[in-house]
Amino acid sequence: MTASRDTRPAQAETGLAKNRLGTSHVAFFVVAAAGPLLLMAGVAPIGIAFGGIATPLGFLIAGMVFALFAVGYVAMSRHVHNAGAFYAFVREGISRPLGVGSGLTVLTAYNLIAAGQVAATGFFAQQALLAIADVDVPWWVFAIIVWLLIGWLGSRTITLSAQVLGFFLSLEVIILLILAVPVLLQGGASGISVGSFNPANLTGGTGAMLVFAFGAFLGCEATVVYSEEAREPRRTIPRATYAAVAFLGLFYAFICWTIVIAYGEQSVVEAATNDPVNLVFSAMESYVGTPAADMMLVLLCTGTFASTLGFHNEAVRYFFALGREGVLPRALRHVHPGSGSPRTAVAAQSAFSALFVILLGALGADPYLQIFIPLAGAGVVGIIAMQAFASASVVGFFRRNPDLEATSWARAIAPGISTVCLTAAVVLMVTRFELLTGVPWPNWVNFALLLPLLAILIGGTVWARLGWRAEVEK
């Protein structure tokens, strides 16, 4: 057995709290960031409207691709422990300059999603209070509260965030099961059928549906981000990654299938097309009752808050890792002496979110349609593109280090297949980007969202290459 490659600088410069997170903690971060209730209530109906009754199969297909991604990812994670996961992977597997470009790109993507979700949580809270108590409070009031809570939790011990995420995630899972069980017990609208898993039911809208299905697994790569804070990372990170991918794939497919059953295979597409926003809530009201539907609306707020906290923590650790490496200002490597949290990085991420939400809010942008949807759409593309880079890096890493422990399946076959599949997913998302932003091509908004990510990737790579060459020439 070979020793792990610790790619971090000396302990005095790292300072993250060690040995704090177990497998369940890391898995909570990943699954909660994915936002199961947000995905099932807000994304699955749109997927059904485009992809028809085979949408549950689409979630399984995406899940299998990410399972392949996980094989190589966790194999390399046993040898590379670094909070800047994609940065470290691409640096070790391809090149340092491209690692810098990738790290800056994924940092930007995580920050865009975190900022967008601050606005989304505020919007959902406003709508929940209006629907349940008929009280209208501006969304930005809730957004400020969310922003403050996220910053406070991010500055505390990492285990506190894990406990909060675990609690809210449990509530999300329970409320979705409260819908699923009565639907199945009552036989749905027209009986139980497994037609959703028949490939013959894939339609011409499958490509559009897969855009949403792949986006639903966002965050499953974040396990490695917590490797420096995990107990026994060689075991914890692989277990958490496989557990998160398996849970998300199976749970998404199951809940989406029960939604199809609730309306019936003959009627669900029309229902999803006519009113995607209320598809899941109407099913809950019909099969369980209005109080349960109201509770689901409340839990949509807390679930989105948990997802925001997850992406905040992931963005923070990229800020920290890139600051520690000197890619960003080194002040970002500072940690709280008591909690071990990267306090300067927390402040940086909080400032990023505040800047975007305040600027767009001051321009009168709709918090959901014009802040959350566009920012999250750009973030999804950026992260999945970097997942493809990371998967390719696994192949390069093990070619460079043939003596390291790993099977041929983990070294090359699985990561090679996942690289191709994830690259295809990125191409699909870019060509159908209007599905993620709600703005049809061609439009300056879509270009304004995508081109900066490409510019950061290329610019960061070139800048690092020039800096690396200068160091070598010295």
Protein backbone atom coordinates (compact mmCIF):
# COMPACT_ATOMS: atom_id res chain seq x y z
CA MET A 1 0.00 0.00 0.00
CA THR A 2 1.29 3.46 -0.86
CA ALA A 3 1.03 6.54 1.28
CA SER A 4 -1.41 9.33 0.40
CA ARG A 5 -0.07 12.39 -1.33
CA ASP A 6 -0.75 15.31 0.93
CA THR A 7 -0.69 18.23 -1.49
CA ARG A 8 -1.19 20.83 1.22
CA PRO A 9 1.49 23.20 2.50
CA ALA A 10 2.79 22.90 6.05
CA GLN A 11 0.27 22.62 8.88
CA ALA A 12 0.99 26.14 10.07
CA GLU A 13 -0.51 27.53 6.88
CA THR A 14 -3.54 25.26 6.61
CA GLY A 15 -5.22 25.38 9.98
CA LEU A 16 -8.55 23.77 8.99
CA ALA A 17 -10.08 21.79 11.83
CA LYS A 18 -8.84 18.22 11.51
CA ASN A 19 -10.68 14.95 12.12
CA ARG A 20 -14.09 16.62 12.53
CA LEU A 21 -16.22 15.00 9.82
CA GLY A 22 -17.37 11.42 9.47
CA THR A 23 -18.94 9.76 6.43
CA SER A 24 -22.47 10.88 7.31
CA HIS A 25 -21.37 14.49 7.83
CA VAL A 26 -19.71 14.69 4.42
CA ALA A 27 -22.67 12.98 2.75
CA PHE A 28 -25.05 15.47 4.41
CA PHE A 29 -23.11 18.36 2.91
CA VAL A 30 -23.30 16.87 -0.58
CA VAL A 31 -26.93 15.70 -0.59
CA ALA A 32 -28.24 18.81 1.16
CA ALA A 33 -26.41 21.04 -1.35
CA ALA A 34 -28.14 19.14 -4.16
CA GLY A 35 -31.48 20.21 -2.63
CA PRO A 36 -33.76 17.15 -3.07
CA LEU A 37 -37.01 19.01 -2.35
CA LEU A 38 -36.05 21.98 -4.53
CA LEU A 39 -35.16 19.57 -7.33
CA MET A 40 -38.30 17.48 -7.05
CA ALA A 41 -40.66 20.44 -6.67
CA GLY A 42 -38.95 22.84 -9.05
CA VAL A 43 -36.99 20.80 -11.59
CA ALA A 44 -38.66 17.40 -11.97
CA PRO A 45 -41.95 18.93 -13.25
CA ILE A 46 -40.07 20.79 -16.00
CA GLY A 47 -38.19 17.60 -16.84
CA ILE A 48 -41.51 15.76 -17.13
CA ALA A 49 -42.93 18.51 -19.34
CA PHE A 50 -40.02 18.03 -21.78
CA GLY A 51 -39.09 14.38 -21.35
CA GLY A 52 -42.42 12.81 -20.56
CA ILE A 53 -43.01 9.84 -18.30
CA ALA A 54 -39.44 8.53 -18.77
CA THR A 55 -37.99 11.37 -16.67
CA PRO A 56 -37.34 8.99 -13.72
CA LEU A 57 -35.21 6.93 -16.11
CA GLY A 58 -33.33 10.12 -17.00
CA PHE A 59 -32.36 10.55 -13.35
CA LEU A 60 -31.07 6.97 -13.30
CA ILE A 61 -29.05 7.55 -16.47
CA ALA A 62 -27.48 10.69 -15.02
CA GLY A 63 -26.87 8.81 -11.77
CA MET A 64 -25.00 6.06 -13.60
CA VAL A 65 -22.75 8.62 -15.30
CA PHE A 66 -21.93 10.20 -11.95
CA ALA A 67 -21.32 6.75 -10.48
CA LEU A 68 -18.69 6.25 -13.18
CA PHE A 69 -17.28 9.67 -12.34
CA ALA A 70 -17.12 8.67 -8.68
CA VAL A 71 -15.04 5.56 -9.40
CA GLY A 72 -12.01 7.48 -10.65
CA TYR A 73 -12.67 10.47 -8.44
CA VAL A 74 -12.54 8.53 -5.19
CA ALA A 75 -9.57 6.47 -6.42
CA MET A 76 -7.56 9.65 -6.88
CA SER A 77 -8.94 11.15 -3.66
CA ARG A 78 -7.14 8.41 -1.73
CA HIS A 79 -3.86 9.93 -2.88
CA VAL A 80 -4.68 13.65 -3.13
CA HIS A 81 -6.11 15.43 -0.07
CA ASN A 82 -6.81 19.10 -0.68
CA ALA A 83 -9.73 21.44 0.08
CA GLY A 84 -9.34 22.85 -3.44
CA ALA A 85 -10.53 19.58 -4.94
CA PHE A 86 -10.77 20.29 -8.69
CA TYR A 87 -7.82 22.67 -8.54
CA ALA A 88 -5.64 20.00 -6.94
CA PHE A 89 -6.92 17.19 -9.18
CA VAL A 90 -6.32 19.04 -12.45
CA ARG A 91 -2.98 20.34 -11.19
CA GLU A 92 -1.78 16.83 -10.29
CA GLY A 93 -3.34 15.08 -13.29
CA ILE A 94 -2.85 17.53 -16.17
CA SER A 95 -0.90 20.70 -15.33
CA ARG A 96 -0.58 23.38 -12.71
CA PRO A 97 -1.70 26.23 -15.01
CA LEU A 98 -4.86 24.41 -16.06
CA GLY A 99 -5.42 23.55 -12.40
CA VAL A 100 -5.39 27.24 -11.56
CA GLY A 101 -7.83 28.02 -14.38
CA SER A 102 -10.11 25.17 -13.29
CA GLY A 103 -9.96 26.19 -9.65
CA LEU A 104 -10.92 29.78 -10.41
CA THR A 105 -13.73 28.61 -12.70
CA VAL A 106 -15.30 26.24 -10.20
CA LEU A 107 -14.90 28.86 -7.46
CA THR A 108 -16.86 31.31 -9.60
CA ALA A 109 -19.52 28.69 -10.36
CA TYR A 110 -20.04 27.80 -6.69
CA ASN A 111 -20.26 31.47 -5.78
CA LEU A 112 -22.84 32.18 -8.48
CA ILE A 113 -25.06 29.37 -7.21
CA ALA A 114 -24.66 30.40 -3.57
CA ALA A 115 -25.55 34.02 -4.40
CA GLY A 116 -28.53 32.99 -6.49
CA GLN A 117 -29.83 30.74 -3.75
CA VAL A 118 -29.73 33.53 -1.17
CA ALA A 119 -32.25 35.37 -3.35
CA ALA A 120 -34.24 32.17 -4.00
CA THR A 121 -34.56 31.38 -0.30
CA GLY A 122 -35.81 34.89 0.33
CA PHE A 123 -38.33 34.52 -2.48
CA PHE A 124 -39.59 31.13 -1.25
CA ALA A 125 -39.94 32.47 2.29
CA GLN A 126 -41.94 35.43 1.00
CA GLN A 127 -44.26 33.13 -0.98
CA ALA A 128 -44.69 30.70 1.92
CA LEU A 129 -45.68 33.44 4.36
CA LEU A 130 -48.02 34.98 1.81
CA ALA A 131 -49.73 31.66 1.02
CA ILE A 132 -50.08 30.46 4.62
CA ALA A 133 -50.63 33.68 6.61
CA ASP A 134 -51.54 36.15 3.84
CA VAL A 135 -48.73 38.43 4.99
CA ASP A 136 -46.54 40.00 2.33
CA VAL A 137 -42.97 40.78 3.41
CA PRO A 138 -40.42 41.86 0.77
CA TRP A 139 -38.21 38.99 -0.34
CA TRP A 140 -35.04 40.95 0.37
CA VAL A 141 -35.86 41.04 4.09
CA PHE A 142 -35.67 37.25 4.21
CA ALA A 143 -32.61 37.28 1.94
CA ILE A 144 -30.76 39.48 4.44
CA ILE A 145 -31.67 37.11 7.28
CA VAL A 146 -30.52 34.11 5.22
CA TRP A 147 -27.27 35.87 4.29
CA LEU A 148 -26.51 36.65 7.92
CA LEU A 149 -27.30 33.12 9.10
CA ILE A 150 -25.20 31.53 6.34
CA GLY A 151 -22.22 33.74 7.19
CA TRP A 152 -22.57 33.00 10.90
CA LEU A 153 -22.82 29.23 10.42
CA GLY A 154 -19.91 29.30 7.97
CA SER A 155 -17.73 30.95 10.59
CA ARG A 156 -18.54 28.36 13.26
CA THR A 157 -17.24 24.80 13.54
CA ILE A 158 -17.81 22.64 10.47
CA THR A 159 -19.69 20.08 12.56
CA LEU A 160 -22.38 22.65 13.40
CA SER A 161 -23.06 23.16 9.69
CA ALA A 162 -23.17 19.38 9.23
CA GLN A 163 -25.74 19.03 12.03
CA VAL A 164 -27.92 21.80 10.59
CA LEU A 165 -27.74 20.28 7.12
CA GLY A 166 -28.51 16.79 8.43
CA PHE A 167 -31.58 18.07 10.26
CA PHE A 168 -33.06 19.98 7.33
CA LEU A 169 -32.16 17.22 4.87
CA SER A 170 -34.04 14.70 7.00
CA LEU A 171 -37.13 16.91 6.90
CA GLU A 172 -36.89 17.16 3.09
CA VAL A 173 -36.69 13.41 2.72
CA ILE A 174 -39.55 12.82 5.17
CA ILE A 175 -41.94 15.26 3.47
CA LEU A 176 -41.27 13.71 0.06
CA LEU A 177 -41.88 10.23 1.47
CA ILE A 178 -45.10 11.51 3.06
CA LEU A 179 -46.24 12.25 -0.49
CA ALA A 180 -44.88 9.06 -2.07
CA VAL A 181 -46.34 6.51 0.35
CA PRO A 182 -50.04 7.52 0.02
CA VAL A 183 -49.69 7.81 -3.75
CA LEU A 184 -48.45 4.23 -3.99
CA LEU A 185 -50.89 2.88 -1.40
CA GLN A 186 -53.81 4.46 -3.27
CA GLY A 187 -52.52 3.28 -6.65
CA GLY A 188 -52.15 6.78 -8.04
CA ALA A 189 -54.53 8.15 -10.63
CA SER A 190 -54.60 5.08 -12.87
CA GLY A 191 -52.73 2.27 -11.12
CA ILE A 192 -49.10 1.40 -10.53
CA SER A 193 -46.97 1.14 -13.67
CA VAL A 194 -43.25 0.91 -14.37
CA GLY A 195 -43.52 2.50 -17.80
CA SER A 196 -41.33 5.36 -16.56
CA PHE A 197 -38.33 3.02 -16.63
CA ASN A 198 -38.96 1.65 -20.13
CA PRO A 199 -36.40 3.07 -22.60
CA ALA A 200 -39.07 2.87 -25.30
CA ASN A 201 -40.80 5.81 -23.60
CA LEU A 202 -37.85 8.15 -24.15
CA THR A 203 -39.06 10.92 -26.45
CA GLY A 204 -37.66 13.67 -28.62
CA GLY A 205 -37.51 15.82 -25.51
CA THR A 206 -35.03 13.49 -23.81
CA GLY A 207 -32.10 15.81 -24.47
CA ALA A 208 -33.87 18.69 -22.75
CA MET A 209 -34.87 16.44 -19.87
CA LEU A 210 -31.28 15.24 -19.40
CA VAL A 211 -30.13 18.86 -19.05
CA PHE A 212 -32.13 19.01 -15.82
CA ALA A 213 -31.27 15.45 -14.77
CA PHE A 214 -27.52 16.09 -14.91
CA GLY A 215 -27.92 19.40 -13.11
CA ALA A 216 -29.75 17.60 -10.30
CA PHE A 217 -26.52 15.88 -9.23
CA LEU A 218 -24.66 19.11 -8.75
CA GLY A 219 -22.51 18.98 -5.64
CA CYS A 220 -21.77 15.25 -5.61
CA GLU A 221 -18.16 16.15 -6.38
CA ALA A 222 -17.82 18.25 -3.24
CA THR A 223 -16.89 15.39 -0.91
CA VAL A 224 -13.18 15.90 -1.64
CA VAL A 225 -13.52 19.56 -0.61
CA TYR A 226 -13.89 18.30 2.98
CA SER A 227 -11.01 15.80 2.83
CA GLU A 228 -8.76 17.93 5.05
CA GLU A 229 -11.43 18.06 7.77
CA ALA A 230 -12.55 14.44 7.51
CA ARG A 231 -11.63 11.58 9.80
CA GLU A 232 -9.66 8.95 7.89
CA PRO A 233 -10.20 10.64 4.50
CA ARG A 234 -9.02 7.55 2.57
CA ARG A 235 -12.17 5.83 3.84
CA THR A 236 -14.54 8.67 4.61
CA ILE A 237 -14.43 10.44 1.25
CA PRO A 238 -15.01 7.35 -0.95
CA ARG A 239 -17.85 6.13 1.27
CA ALA A 240 -19.51 9.54 1.35
CA THR A 241 -19.17 9.98 -2.42
CA TYR A 242 -20.66 6.60 -3.29
CA ALA A 243 -23.41 7.00 -0.69
CA ALA A 244 -24.36 10.46 -1.98
CA VAL A 245 -24.44 9.46 -5.65
CA ALA A 246 -26.41 6.27 -4.94
CA PHE A 247 -28.92 8.04 -2.71
CA LEU A 248 -29.49 10.93 -5.09
CA GLY A 249 -29.91 8.73 -8.15
CA LEU A 250 -32.30 6.25 -6.54
CA PHE A 251 -34.23 8.82 -4.50
CA TYR A 252 -34.72 11.22 -7.41
CA ALA A 253 -35.90 8.40 -9.66
CA PHE A 254 -38.27 7.03 -7.00
CA ILE A 255 -39.89 10.35 -6.07
CA CYS A 256 -40.19 11.44 -9.71
CA TRP A 257 -41.81 8.08 -10.50
CA THR A 258 -44.38 8.57 -7.73
CA ILE A 259 -45.21 12.01 -9.18
CA VAL A 260 -45.90 10.33 -12.52
CA ILE A 261 -48.07 7.72 -10.76
CA ALA A 262 -49.93 10.44 -8.82
CA TYR A 263 -51.23 12.01 -12.03
CA GLY A 264 -51.19 8.92 -14.25
CA GLU A 265 -48.99 8.29 -17.27
CA GLN A 266 -51.66 9.63 -19.62
CA SER A 267 -52.13 12.94 -17.79
CA VAL A 268 -48.89 13.88 -16.04
CA VAL A 269 -47.20 15.53 -19.04
CA GLU A 270 -50.17 17.82 -19.64
CA ALA A 271 -50.36 18.67 -15.93
CA ALA A 272 -46.63 19.42 -15.79
CA THR A 273 -46.80 21.55 -18.93
CA ASN A 274 -49.79 23.56 -17.73
CA ASP A 275 -48.62 24.21 -14.16
CA PRO A 276 -45.09 22.97 -13.38
CA VAL A 277 -44.76 25.26 -10.35
CA ASN A 278 -47.64 23.63 -8.45
CA LEU A 279 -47.39 20.07 -9.79
CA VAL A 280 -45.89 18.53 -6.65
CA PHE A 281 -47.77 20.76 -4.21
CA SER A 282 -51.11 19.95 -5.87
CA ALA A 283 -50.33 16.24 -5.62
CA MET A 284 -49.52 16.64 -1.93
CA GLU A 285 -52.78 18.48 -1.35
CA SER A 286 -54.79 15.83 -3.19
CA TYR A 287 -53.24 12.76 -1.59
CA VAL A 288 -52.34 14.03 1.89
CA GLY A 289 -54.08 17.34 2.53
CA THR A 290 -53.63 21.11 2.57
CA PRO A 291 -51.66 21.23 5.86
CA ALA A 292 -49.09 18.85 4.37
CA ALA A 293 -48.85 21.01 1.24
CA ASP A 294 -48.29 24.09 3.42
CA MET A 295 -45.62 22.23 5.37
CA MET A 296 -43.93 21.26 2.11
CA LEU A 297 -43.84 24.92 1.13
CA VAL A 298 -42.17 25.80 4.44
CA LEU A 299 -39.66 22.97 4.03
CA LEU A 300 -38.88 24.21 0.54
CA CYS A 301 -37.57 27.34 2.26
CA THR A 302 -35.50 25.45 4.82
CA GLY A 303 -34.27 23.00 2.18
CA THR A 304 -33.11 25.82 -0.08
CA PHE A 305 -31.43 27.41 2.92
CA ALA A 306 -29.58 24.13 3.57
CA SER A 307 -28.54 23.94 -0.07
CA THR A 308 -27.26 27.51 0.10
CA LEU A 309 -25.23 26.67 3.20
CA GLY A 310 -23.74 23.67 1.40
CA PHE A 311 -22.64 25.69 -1.62
CA HIS A 312 -21.38 28.47 0.66
CA ASN A 313 -19.12 26.05 2.50
CA GLU A 314 -17.83 24.59 -0.74
CA ALA A 315 -17.07 28.01 -2.23
CA VAL A 316 -15.38 29.04 1.03
CA ARG A 317 -13.00 26.07 0.89
CA TYR A 318 -12.00 26.92 -2.66
CA PHE A 319 -11.33 30.50 -1.59
CA PHE A 320 -9.25 29.13 1.28
CA ALA A 321 -7.30 26.59 -0.78
CA LEU A 322 -6.55 29.02 -3.61
CA GLY A 323 -5.48 31.67 -1.10
CA ARG A 324 -3.21 29.21 0.64
CA GLU A 325 -1.59 28.31 -2.67
CA GLY A 326 -1.03 31.97 -3.56
CA VAL A 327 -3.42 31.87 -6.53
CA LEU A 328 -5.62 34.36 -4.67
CA PRO A 329 -4.54 36.75 -1.88
CA ARG A 330 -2.92 34.78 0.92
CA ALA A 331 -5.11 36.49 3.50
CA LEU A 332 -7.81 34.01 2.47
CA ARG A 333 -5.88 31.20 4.18
CA HIS A 334 -6.50 32.65 7.65
CA VAL A 335 -8.63 30.53 9.96
CA HIS A 336 -10.36 31.12 13.26
CA PRO A 337 -8.08 29.88 16.07
CA GLY A 338 -10.96 28.32 17.96
CA SER A 339 -13.35 26.87 15.38
CA GLY A 340 -10.78 26.19 12.66
CA SER A 341 -13.13 27.78 10.10
CA PRO A 342 -11.61 29.78 7.22
CA ARG A 343 -13.00 33.08 8.47
CA THR A 344 -11.48 35.33 5.80
CA ALA A 345 -12.78 33.05 3.06
CA VAL A 346 -16.22 33.12 4.71
CA ALA A 347 -16.15 36.91 4.55
CA ALA A 348 -15.11 36.79 0.88
CA GLN A 349 -17.94 34.47 -0.10
CA SER A 350 -20.47 36.49 1.90
CA ALA A 351 -19.28 39.66 0.17
CA PHE A 352 -19.63 38.00 -3.24
CA SER A 353 -23.23 36.95 -2.52
CA ALA A 354 -24.12 40.36 -1.11
CA LEU A 355 -22.67 42.14 -4.13
CA PHE A 356 -24.69 40.15 -6.66
CA VAL A 357 -27.96 40.13 -4.72
CA ILE A 358 -27.81 43.84 -3.85
CA LEU A 359 -26.81 44.89 -7.37
CA LEU A 360 -29.42 42.80 -9.16
CA GLY A 361 -32.06 43.53 -6.54
CA ALA A 362 -31.44 47.29 -6.88
CA LEU A 363 -32.01 46.94 -10.62
CA GLY A 364 -35.44 45.48 -9.88
CA ALA A 365 -34.60 41.93 -10.93
CA ASP A 366 -37.05 39.19 -10.00
CA PRO A 367 -35.37 37.16 -7.22
CA TYR A 368 -36.30 33.81 -8.74
CA LEU A 369 -36.52 34.28 -12.50
CA GLN A 370 -33.81 36.91 -12.96
CA ILE A 371 -31.38 36.23 -10.11
CA PHE A 372 -31.56 32.59 -9.03
CA ILE A 373 -32.33 30.89 -12.37
CA PRO A 374 -29.63 32.64 -14.48
CA LEU A 375 -26.90 32.47 -11.80
CA ALA A 376 -27.63 28.83 -11.00
CA GLY A 377 -27.77 27.97 -14.71
CA ALA A 378 -24.31 29.40 -15.31
CA GLY A 379 -23.00 27.70 -12.18
CA VAL A 380 -24.34 24.31 -13.28
CA VAL A 381 -22.52 24.50 -16.61
CA GLY A 382 -19.28 25.64 -14.96
CA ILE A 383 -19.23 22.89 -12.36
CA ILE A 384 -20.12 20.04 -14.72
CA ALA A 385 -17.47 21.25 -17.17
CA MET A 386 -14.91 21.12 -14.36
CA GLN A 387 -16.18 17.65 -13.41
CA ALA A 388 -15.22 16.56 -16.93
CA PHE A 389 -11.78 18.12 -16.44
CA ALA A 390 -11.39 16.37 -13.10
CA SER A 391 -12.39 13.03 -14.58
CA ALA A 392 -9.79 13.42 -17.33
CA SER A 393 -7.27 14.37 -14.65
CA VAL A 394 -7.72 10.99 -12.99
CA VAL A 395 -6.46 9.26 -16.13
CA GLY A 396 -3.49 11.60 -16.36
CA PHE A 397 -2.66 11.28 -12.67
CA PHE A 398 -2.44 7.49 -12.69
CA ARG A 399 -0.45 7.50 -15.92
CA ARG A 400 2.06 9.76 -14.20
CA ASN A 401 2.03 7.58 -11.10
CA PRO A 402 1.75 3.96 -12.28
CA ASP A 403 3.02 2.69 -8.92
CA LEU A 404 0.01 3.97 -7.00
CA GLU A 405 -2.69 1.58 -5.88
CA ALA A 406 -5.74 1.45 -8.20
CA THR A 407 -7.40 -0.96 -10.62
CA SER A 408 -7.49 -0.45 -14.39
CA TRP A 409 -11.21 0.21 -14.06
CA ALA A 410 -10.58 3.08 -11.62
CA ARG A 411 -7.42 4.34 -13.35
CA ALA A 412 -8.69 4.73 -16.89
CA ILE A 413 -11.85 2.93 -17.97
CA ALA A 414 -14.48 4.49 -15.68
CA PRO A 415 -12.98 8.01 -15.67
CA GLY A 416 -12.48 7.82 -19.44
CA ILE A 417 -16.15 6.96 -20.02
CA SER A 418 -17.33 9.60 -17.55
CA THR A 419 -15.14 12.24 -19.22
CA VAL A 420 -16.86 11.57 -22.54
CA CYS A 421 -20.34 11.52 -20.97
CA LEU A 422 -19.80 14.68 -18.91
CA THR A 423 -18.34 16.51 -21.90
CA ALA A 424 -21.44 15.53 -23.89
CA ALA A 425 -23.58 16.82 -21.02
CA VAL A 426 -21.78 20.18 -21.09
CA VAL A 427 -22.28 20.48 -24.86
CA LEU A 428 -25.96 19.63 -24.37
CA MET A 429 -26.32 22.23 -21.64
CA VAL A 430 -24.60 24.98 -23.61
CA THR A 431 -26.66 24.33 -26.76
CA ARG A 432 -29.86 24.20 -24.67
CA PHE A 433 -28.80 26.87 -22.22
CA GLU A 434 -32.13 28.63 -22.58
CA LEU A 435 -33.66 25.78 -20.56
CA LEU A 436 -31.47 26.70 -17.59
CA THR A 437 -31.91 30.46 -17.81
CA GLY A 438 -35.35 30.88 -19.35
CA VAL A 439 -33.85 33.22 -21.95
CA PRO A 440 -33.92 31.92 -25.58
CA TRP A 441 -30.81 31.94 -27.77
CA PRO A 442 -29.44 34.18 -29.16
CA ASN A 443 -29.49 36.65 -26.30
CA TRP A 444 -26.85 38.79 -24.66
CA VAL A 445 -27.89 37.50 -21.21
CA ASN A 446 -26.82 33.94 -22.04
CA PHE A 447 -23.54 35.12 -23.52
CA ALA A 448 -22.97 37.34 -20.49
CA LEU A 449 -23.41 34.33 -18.21
CA LEU A 450 -21.28 31.82 -20.11
CA LEU A 451 -18.44 33.87 -21.57
CA PRO A 452 -17.04 35.03 -18.20
CA LEU A 453 -16.64 31.41 -17.11
CA LEU A 454 -14.73 30.61 -20.30
CA ALA A 455 -12.66 33.79 -19.90
CA ILE A 456 -11.79 32.86 -16.30
CA LEU A 457 -10.75 29.34 -17.33
CA ILE A 458 -8.54 30.56 -20.19
CA GLY A 459 -7.29 33.68 -18.43
CA GLY A 460 -6.46 31.82 -15.23
CA THR A 461 -4.60 29.14 -17.15
CA VAL A 462 -2.57 31.65 -19.18
CA TRP A 463 -1.82 33.77 -16.12
CA ALA A 464 -0.63 30.74 -14.17
CA ARG A 465 1.40 29.51 -17.12
CA LEU A 466 3.21 32.83 -17.40
CA GLY A 467 3.80 32.91 -13.66
CA TRP A 468 5.06 29.33 -13.61
CA ARG A 469 7.42 30.03 -16.51
CA ALA A 470 8.79 33.08 -14.67
CA GLU A 471 9.43 30.92 -11.59
CA VAL A 472 11.25 28.31 -13.67
CA GLU A 473 13.41 30.94 -15.39
CA LYS A 474 14.52 32.23 -11.97
